[in-house]
Amino acid sequence: MLLNYKFELYPTIEQQEKLNVWISLCRQQYNSALLDKSNAYTNKKINVTRTMMQSQQKIDKKVFTFLTEMPSQPLQEVFARLEKSFNNFFNKQSKYPKIKKYKDYNSLTFPQFGMAIQNKKIKKTGLYKKQLVRLAASLGKGGHLLISKLGLIPMVRHRKIDGKVKQVVIKRQGNKWFAIFCVERHVIPIVSLDNKFTGIDVGINKFAVLSNGEEIQNPKFLRKEEKKLKKAHRKLSRKVKGSNNFKKQVAKLQKIHKKVANQRKDFLHKQSFRLSNEYNLIFVEDLKITNMVKNRKLAKSIHDAGWGMFREFLTYKLTNNGGQLVKVKPHFTSQDCSDCGTRVKKSLSIRTHICTSCGLILDRDHNAALNIQKIGLAQI
């Protein structure tokens, strides 16, 4: 399985300027390749492949020498991103690729990575020249990331990287920089006859209810910060677009959004970690969240809850522990009685399940969680 380790970087001002220039060049290459590919197919019915674009880039480097001032792999990886975007479009997983704006392109990908070496050996050996990115180990919890044509960047390595690093992504988030290590790990599934299992029903009022009746309250981080966000947006609307005050206010607005995102991720990580350690099998509804957020009255609350992210966290953490996440069809899980199976129709406003056949009275979400568990067990 693949895992991502994210660490904060602290590049100097000169290094930040270089990284910004490199990201800008990659974005321009992406947009240029997209236009060339679209025009070639529209006018000549020719499919410009990734190999053809890479060959053309080699020719362009002889004319535009500034392309040689940055590592070659992030530039070539641009075409892999474009190819993936078109594959997603043809598979009906996304819309047709669009021209990337400044805010849409914020990362560099280095597919090759060198293993850790000691700081003292960096200057003595030329090993780092063989790879574009290398982790240089240092004392304590610190560390450095060594990138060719850029140098050493201080990095907070707060935990050990467990597994083989396949690639590194340098990402810009607001005014901060991060290194994301994609690591490959071998996981041995745990085979046990006494698997612990549970069904989980996610919601808006309560974040989740388990089949044993346990309730996880919804912290609603976005709702709590709505007043600050509205105030920040009003201030931004009074600024002249493009001015220094406008940019400062945008940074303040981004800071609030980043805080909300961090709070939500922290909450989801903790809950998914706890549940993946307590249970081997977890059953959830296979909700089509993209369709659900089309309801304007519920969209903000659904995004604030982070159901999709929660499901992703559960998936990889259960896999890492040798467990499994099982998705079941969400049809009538709230309507059917978990005891006798009778379908009792009720609107979203009715939060209590009352069965007219067997007389079962239960919280609506708890009843749904029991149905999800029952369907999941039958499914496997």
Protein backbone atom coordinates (compact mmCIF):
# COMPACT_ATOMS: atom_id res chain seq x y z
CA MET A 1 0.00 0.00 0.00
CA LEU A 2 1.00 3.65 -0.46
CA LEU A 3 1.13 6.15 2.41
CA ASN A 4 1.93 9.87 2.46
CA TYR A 5 4.13 11.55 5.08
CA LYS A 6 3.82 15.33 5.22
CA PHE A 7 6.52 17.57 6.75
CA GLU A 8 6.83 21.35 6.85
CA LEU A 9 9.74 22.99 5.05
CA TYR A 10 11.45 26.27 5.92
CA PRO A 11 13.12 27.50 2.72
CA THR A 12 15.02 30.81 2.61
CA ILE A 13 13.59 33.78 0.70
CA GLU A 14 15.86 32.99 -2.26
CA GLN A 15 14.76 29.35 -2.25
CA GLN A 16 11.10 30.38 -2.07
CA GLU A 17 11.56 32.64 -5.09
CA LYS A 18 13.19 29.79 -7.01
CA LEU A 19 10.43 27.36 -6.07
CA ASN A 20 7.77 29.86 -7.14
CA VAL A 21 9.53 30.32 -10.50
CA TRP A 22 9.74 26.54 -10.98
CA ILE A 23 6.03 26.08 -10.22
CA SER A 24 5.22 28.91 -12.64
CA LEU A 25 7.30 27.24 -15.39
CA CYS A 26 5.55 23.91 -14.79
CA ARG A 27 2.16 25.61 -14.94
CA GLN A 28 3.07 27.29 -18.25
CA GLN A 29 4.26 23.95 -19.65
CA TYR A 30 0.97 22.34 -18.59
CA ASN A 31 -1.16 25.04 -20.22
CA SER A 32 0.96 25.02 -23.39
CA ALA A 33 0.77 21.23 -23.66
CA LEU A 34 -3.00 21.30 -23.10
CA LEU A 35 -3.51 23.83 -25.91
CA ASP A 36 -1.18 21.93 -28.27
CA LYS A 37 -2.96 18.65 -27.57
CA SER A 38 -6.42 20.19 -28.05
CA ASN A 39 -5.46 22.04 -31.26
CA ALA A 40 -3.72 18.99 -32.76
CA TYR A 41 -6.81 16.85 -32.27
CA THR A 42 -9.28 19.54 -33.39
CA ASN A 43 -7.40 20.52 -36.57
CA LYS A 44 -5.53 17.35 -37.60
CA LYS A 45 -7.21 14.57 -35.56
CA ILE A 46 -3.79 13.71 -34.08
CA ASN A 47 -3.47 12.41 -30.54
CA VAL A 48 -0.39 14.03 -29.00
CA THR A 49 0.97 11.48 -26.54
CA ARG A 50 3.05 12.03 -23.42
CA THR A 51 6.18 10.69 -25.19
CA MET A 52 5.72 13.16 -28.05
CA MET A 53 5.39 16.07 -25.60
CA GLN A 54 8.54 15.03 -23.71
CA SER A 55 10.49 14.83 -27.00
CA GLN A 56 9.28 18.32 -27.93
CA GLN A 57 10.37 19.62 -24.51
CA LYS A 58 13.95 18.44 -25.16
CA ILE A 59 13.97 20.49 -28.36
CA ASP A 60 12.48 23.50 -26.55
CA LYS A 61 15.26 23.41 -23.94
CA LYS A 62 17.82 24.17 -26.65
CA VAL A 63 15.88 27.32 -27.61
CA PHE A 64 14.55 28.39 -24.21
CA THR A 65 17.61 27.94 -22.00
CA PHE A 66 15.77 29.08 -18.84
CA LEU A 67 14.08 25.63 -18.79
CA THR A 68 17.47 24.07 -18.01
CA GLU A 69 17.80 26.13 -14.81
CA MET A 70 15.39 23.80 -12.96
CA PRO A 71 15.41 19.99 -12.49
CA SER A 72 14.12 18.11 -15.52
CA GLN A 73 11.84 15.63 -13.73
CA PRO A 74 9.20 18.08 -12.42
CA LEU A 75 8.95 19.48 -15.97
CA GLN A 76 8.45 16.01 -17.45
CA GLU A 77 5.98 15.07 -14.70
CA VAL A 78 3.73 17.89 -15.99
CA PHE A 79 2.81 15.70 -18.97
CA ALA A 80 1.97 12.80 -16.64
CA ARG A 81 -0.51 15.09 -14.85
CA LEU A 82 -2.05 16.13 -18.15
CA GLU A 83 -2.32 12.52 -19.29
CA LYS A 84 -4.02 11.60 -15.99
CA SER A 85 -6.48 14.51 -16.39
CA PHE A 86 -7.48 13.30 -19.86
CA ASN A 87 -7.81 9.69 -18.67
CA ASN A 88 -10.12 10.84 -15.88
CA PHE A 89 -12.14 12.82 -18.43
CA PHE A 90 -12.49 9.83 -20.79
CA ASN A 91 -13.47 7.61 -17.85
CA LYS A 92 -16.12 10.20 -16.89
CA GLN A 93 -14.49 10.83 -13.51
CA SER A 94 -13.89 14.55 -14.12
CA LYS A 95 -14.59 17.37 -16.57
CA TYR A 96 -12.44 18.33 -19.56
CA PRO A 97 -9.01 19.66 -18.43
CA LYS A 98 -8.87 23.45 -18.05
CA ILE A 99 -6.14 26.07 -18.24
CA LYS A 100 -4.46 26.25 -14.82
CA LYS A 101 -4.42 29.60 -13.03
CA TYR A 102 -1.86 30.63 -10.40
CA LYS A 103 -4.02 29.33 -7.54
CA ASP A 104 -4.67 25.99 -9.30
CA TYR A 105 -1.06 24.81 -9.66
CA ASN A 106 0.90 24.67 -6.41
CA SER A 107 3.26 21.71 -6.44
CA LEU A 108 6.35 20.08 -7.96
CA THR A 109 6.70 16.30 -8.18
CA PHE A 110 10.06 14.51 -8.04
CA PRO A 111 9.51 10.86 -9.05
CA GLN A 112 13.04 9.82 -8.02
CA PHE A 113 14.30 9.91 -4.47
CA GLY A 114 17.60 9.05 -2.74
CA MET A 115 17.76 7.37 0.65
CA ALA A 116 18.94 9.09 3.82
CA ILE A 117 22.60 10.06 4.27
CA GLN A 118 24.41 11.87 7.07
CA ASN A 119 24.96 15.61 6.83
CA LYS A 120 28.75 15.18 7.18
CA LYS A 121 28.87 13.03 4.08
CA ILE A 122 26.97 15.42 1.85
CA LYS A 123 29.97 17.56 0.92
CA LYS A 124 32.45 14.68 0.90
CA THR A 125 30.53 12.46 -1.51
CA GLY A 126 28.91 13.16 -4.84
CA LEU A 127 26.09 10.70 -4.27
CA TYR A 128 23.45 13.41 -4.10
CA LYS A 129 24.10 14.28 -7.76
CA LYS A 130 22.62 10.94 -8.82
CA GLN A 131 19.18 11.81 -7.51
CA LEU A 132 17.08 14.94 -7.71
CA VAL A 133 15.82 14.81 -4.14
CA ARG A 134 17.48 13.34 -1.07
CA LEU A 135 16.70 13.32 2.62
CA ALA A 136 19.70 14.39 4.69
CA ALA A 137 19.42 13.09 8.26
CA SER A 138 20.46 15.29 11.16
CA LEU A 139 20.36 15.20 14.95
CA GLY A 140 17.07 15.37 16.86
CA LYS A 141 13.71 15.65 15.12
CA GLY A 142 14.99 18.03 12.49
CA GLY A 143 16.30 17.26 9.05
CA HIS A 144 17.04 18.71 5.64
CA LEU A 145 15.74 18.07 2.17
CA LEU A 146 18.41 18.25 -0.53
CA ILE A 147 17.17 19.28 -3.96
CA SER A 148 19.50 19.67 -6.91
CA LYS A 149 19.87 23.25 -8.20
CA LEU A 150 18.29 24.48 -4.96
CA GLY A 151 20.35 23.11 -2.05
CA LEU A 152 19.45 22.08 1.49
CA ILE A 153 16.05 23.08 2.88
CA PRO A 154 15.43 22.79 6.67
CA MET A 155 12.56 20.42 7.42
CA VAL A 156 10.65 19.41 10.56
CA ARG A 157 10.74 15.59 10.43
CA HIS A 158 8.46 14.89 13.38
CA ARG A 159 8.20 11.14 12.76
CA LYS A 160 10.11 8.31 11.16
CA ILE A 161 9.45 7.50 7.51
CA ASP A 162 8.53 3.81 7.51
CA GLY A 163 8.83 2.18 4.09
CA LYS A 164 10.38 2.78 0.68
CA VAL A 165 9.98 6.33 -0.63
CA LYS A 166 8.70 6.31 -4.21
CA GLN A 167 8.39 10.05 -4.88
CA VAL A 168 8.40 13.46 -3.21
CA VAL A 169 6.01 16.36 -3.78
CA ILE A 170 6.98 19.93 -2.83
CA LYS A 171 3.73 21.78 -2.16
CA ARG A 172 2.92 25.45 -1.61
CA GLN A 173 0.01 26.16 0.74
CA GLY A 174 -0.54 29.88 1.25
CA ASN A 175 2.78 31.21 2.55
CA LYS A 176 3.97 27.81 3.80
CA TRP A 177 5.85 24.97 2.10
CA PHE A 178 5.55 21.23 2.66
CA ALA A 179 7.31 18.07 1.53
CA ILE A 180 5.04 15.07 0.95
CA PHE A 181 6.78 11.69 0.81
CA CYS A 182 4.87 8.91 -0.97
CA VAL A 183 5.95 5.68 0.74
CA GLU A 184 5.31 2.08 -0.30
CA ARG A 185 4.71 -0.41 2.51
CA HIS A 186 3.99 -4.11 2.51
CA VAL A 187 0.95 -5.00 4.63
CA ILE A 188 0.09 -8.52 5.79
CA PRO A 189 -3.70 -8.96 6.25
CA ILE A 190 -4.74 -10.19 9.69
CA VAL A 191 -6.80 -13.38 9.42
CA SER A 192 -8.93 -13.89 12.50
CA LEU A 193 -12.11 -15.77 13.28
CA ASP A 194 -13.14 -13.30 15.97
CA ASN A 195 -13.09 -10.13 13.88
CA LYS A 196 -14.51 -7.09 15.59
CA PHE A 197 -16.94 -5.29 13.31
CA THR A 198 -19.32 -2.34 13.33
CA GLY A 199 -21.58 -0.37 11.03
CA ILE A 200 -21.29 3.42 10.86
CA ASP A 201 -23.99 5.85 9.77
CA VAL A 202 -22.71 9.38 9.11
CA GLY A 203 -24.89 12.44 9.48
CA ILE A 204 -25.02 16.20 9.93
CA ASN A 205 -26.48 16.71 13.41
CA LYS A 206 -24.38 13.82 14.74
CA PHE A 207 -21.19 13.18 12.85
CA ALA A 208 -21.52 9.40 13.14
CA VAL A 209 -23.47 6.74 15.02
CA LEU A 210 -22.10 3.20 15.46
CA SER A 211 -24.17 0.03 15.48
CA ASN A 212 -23.45 -0.42 19.20
CA GLY A 213 -25.19 2.92 19.87
CA GLU A 214 -22.04 5.03 20.33
CA GLU A 215 -22.48 8.59 19.08
CA ILE A 216 -19.73 10.87 17.72
CA GLN A 217 -20.78 14.51 17.90
CA ASN A 218 -20.23 16.82 14.94
CA PRO A 219 -17.78 19.63 15.90
CA LYS A 220 -18.96 21.88 12.97
CA PHE A 221 -15.68 23.77 12.66
CA LEU A 222 -16.76 25.81 9.62
CA ARG A 223 -20.01 26.92 11.24
CA LYS A 224 -18.11 28.16 14.30
CA GLU A 225 -15.84 30.34 12.14
CA GLU A 226 -18.60 31.70 9.88
CA LYS A 227 -18.76 35.12 11.56
CA LYS A 228 -15.00 35.62 11.16
CA LEU A 229 -15.17 34.51 7.53
CA LYS A 230 -18.05 36.86 6.69
CA LYS A 231 -16.23 39.75 8.33
CA ALA A 232 -13.02 38.92 6.42
CA HIS A 233 -14.93 38.68 3.13
CA ARG A 234 -16.59 42.07 3.72
CA LYS A 235 -13.20 43.67 4.34
CA LEU A 236 -11.82 42.04 1.20
CA SER A 237 -14.69 43.40 -0.92
CA ARG A 238 -13.70 46.96 0.08
CA LYS A 239 -10.08 46.56 -1.05
CA VAL A 240 -8.77 47.44 -4.51
CA LYS A 241 -8.11 44.19 -6.33
CA GLY A 242 -4.39 43.60 -6.79
CA SER A 243 -3.30 46.16 -4.19
CA ASN A 244 -1.04 45.33 -1.22
CA ASN A 245 -3.95 45.68 1.21
CA PHE A 246 -5.97 43.29 -0.97
CA LYS A 247 -3.17 40.70 -0.84
CA LYS A 248 -2.83 41.08 2.94
CA GLN A 249 -6.55 40.54 3.42
CA VAL A 250 -6.48 37.49 1.14
CA ALA A 251 -3.70 36.06 3.33
CA LYS A 252 -5.84 36.62 6.45
CA LEU A 253 -8.80 34.93 4.79
CA GLN A 254 -6.64 31.98 3.76
CA LYS A 255 -5.37 31.69 7.34
CA ILE A 256 -8.93 31.24 8.67
CA HIS A 257 -9.75 28.63 6.03
CA LYS A 258 -6.50 26.81 6.75
CA LYS A 259 -7.29 26.73 10.47
CA VAL A 260 -10.72 25.19 9.77
CA ALA A 261 -9.18 22.61 7.42
CA ASN A 262 -6.52 21.67 9.98
CA GLN A 263 -9.10 21.32 12.76
CA ARG A 264 -11.27 19.09 10.56
CA LYS A 265 -8.32 16.91 9.51
CA ASP A 266 -7.14 16.55 13.10
CA PHE A 267 -10.62 15.47 14.23
CA LEU A 268 -11.03 12.99 11.36
CA HIS A 269 -7.53 11.54 11.86
CA LYS A 270 -8.16 10.95 15.58
CA GLN A 271 -11.57 9.35 15.07
CA SER A 272 -10.44 7.13 12.18
CA PHE A 273 -7.30 6.10 14.11
CA ARG A 274 -9.37 5.09 17.15
CA LEU A 275 -11.96 3.17 15.13
CA SER A 276 -9.35 1.38 12.97
CA ASN A 277 -7.61 0.17 16.15
CA GLU A 278 -10.86 -1.02 17.78
CA TYR A 279 -12.38 -2.80 14.76
CA ASN A 280 -11.13 -5.09 11.98
CA LEU A 281 -14.19 -4.66 9.76
CA ILE A 282 -16.10 -1.41 9.36
CA PHE A 283 -19.19 -1.08 7.19
CA VAL A 284 -20.20 2.29 5.72
CA GLU A 285 -22.67 3.53 3.13
CA ASP A 286 -21.35 4.05 -0.39
CA LEU A 287 -22.66 7.61 -0.56
CA LYS A 288 -22.40 9.62 -3.79
CA ILE A 289 -21.28 12.81 -2.08
CA THR A 290 -20.87 14.75 -5.35
CA ASN A 291 -24.59 14.28 -6.00
CA MET A 292 -25.61 15.04 -2.41
CA VAL A 293 -23.84 18.44 -2.32
CA LYS A 294 -26.02 19.59 -5.24
CA ASN A 295 -28.65 20.26 -2.56
CA ARG A 296 -27.83 23.89 -1.69
CA LYS A 297 -29.43 23.63 1.75
CA LEU A 298 -27.17 20.75 2.84
CA ALA A 299 -24.00 21.33 0.78
CA LYS A 300 -22.14 23.45 3.34
CA SER A 301 -22.93 21.09 6.22
CA ILE A 302 -21.86 18.04 4.21
CA HIS A 303 -18.56 19.68 3.23
CA ASP A 304 -18.01 20.76 6.83
CA ALA A 305 -18.52 17.20 8.10
CA GLY A 306 -15.92 15.80 5.68
CA TRP A 307 -17.55 12.41 5.02
CA GLY A 308 -15.38 11.66 1.99
CA MET A 309 -12.14 12.43 3.83
CA PHE A 310 -13.27 10.35 6.81
CA ARG A 311 -13.90 7.39 4.51
CA GLU A 312 -10.44 7.77 2.91
CA PHE A 313 -8.73 7.92 6.31
CA LEU A 314 -10.59 4.82 7.50
CA THR A 315 -9.68 2.94 4.31
CA TYR A 316 -5.92 3.34 4.50
CA LYS A 317 -5.71 3.02 8.30
CA LEU A 318 -7.70 -0.21 8.32
CA THR A 319 -5.58 -1.55 5.44
CA ASN A 320 -2.44 -0.59 7.35
CA ASN A 321 -3.70 -2.61 10.35
CA GLY A 322 -4.74 -5.57 8.21
CA GLY A 323 -8.45 -4.68 8.40
CA GLN A 324 -10.99 -3.75 5.74
CA LEU A 325 -13.56 -1.05 4.99
CA VAL A 326 -16.67 -2.44 3.29
CA LYS A 327 -19.03 -0.14 1.37
CA VAL A 328 -22.70 -1.08 1.18
CA LYS A 329 -25.56 0.33 -0.87
CA PRO A 330 -27.30 3.13 1.04
CA HIS A 331 -30.81 2.34 -0.20
CA PHE A 332 -33.46 2.35 2.57
CA THR A 333 -31.00 1.91 5.45
CA SER A 334 -32.87 4.63 7.39
CA GLN A 335 -36.33 3.41 6.37
CA ASP A 336 -36.11 -0.33 7.04
CA CYS A 337 -36.54 -1.67 10.57
CA SER A 338 -33.34 -3.25 11.84
CA ASP A 339 -35.34 -5.81 13.86
CA CYS A 340 -38.08 -7.11 11.56
CA GLY A 341 -37.17 -5.52 8.20
CA THR A 342 -40.46 -3.65 7.73
CA ARG A 343 -40.08 -0.48 5.64
CA VAL A 344 -41.26 2.56 7.61
CA LYS A 345 -41.14 5.66 5.42
CA LYS A 346 -40.16 8.89 7.15
CA SER A 347 -38.83 12.32 6.17
CA LEU A 348 -35.43 13.72 7.18
CA SER A 349 -37.04 15.80 9.92
CA ILE A 350 -38.21 12.67 11.79
CA ARG A 351 -35.23 11.55 13.90
CA THR A 352 -36.84 8.56 15.68
CA HIS A 353 -37.59 5.19 14.09
CA ILE A 354 -40.91 3.72 15.26
CA CYS A 355 -41.79 0.37 13.71
CA THR A 356 -45.51 -0.24 13.26
CA SER A 357 -44.99 -4.03 12.99
CA CYS A 358 -42.71 -5.04 15.87
CA GLY A 359 -42.99 -1.85 17.94
CA LEU A 360 -39.24 -1.13 17.92
CA ILE A 361 -38.45 2.47 18.97
CA LEU A 362 -34.89 3.54 18.17
CA ASP A 363 -32.88 6.57 17.16
CA ARG A 364 -33.03 6.92 13.38
CA ASP A 365 -29.22 6.93 12.93
CA HIS A 366 -28.70 3.98 15.28
CA ASN A 367 -31.29 1.99 13.31
CA ALA A 368 -29.47 2.88 10.07
CA ALA A 369 -26.10 1.80 11.53
CA LEU A 370 -27.58 -1.60 12.49
CA ASN A 371 -28.95 -2.03 8.95
CA ILE A 372 -25.57 -1.08 7.45
CA GLN A 373 -23.85 -3.70 9.63
CA LYS A 374 -26.41 -6.35 8.69
CA ILE A 375 -26.07 -5.66 4.94
CA GLY A 376 -22.28 -5.54 5.20
CA LEU A 377 -22.04 -8.90 6.96
CA ALA A 378 -24.33 -10.48 4.32
CA GLN A 379 -22.21 -8.89 1.58
CA ILE A 380 -18.91 -10.45 2.76
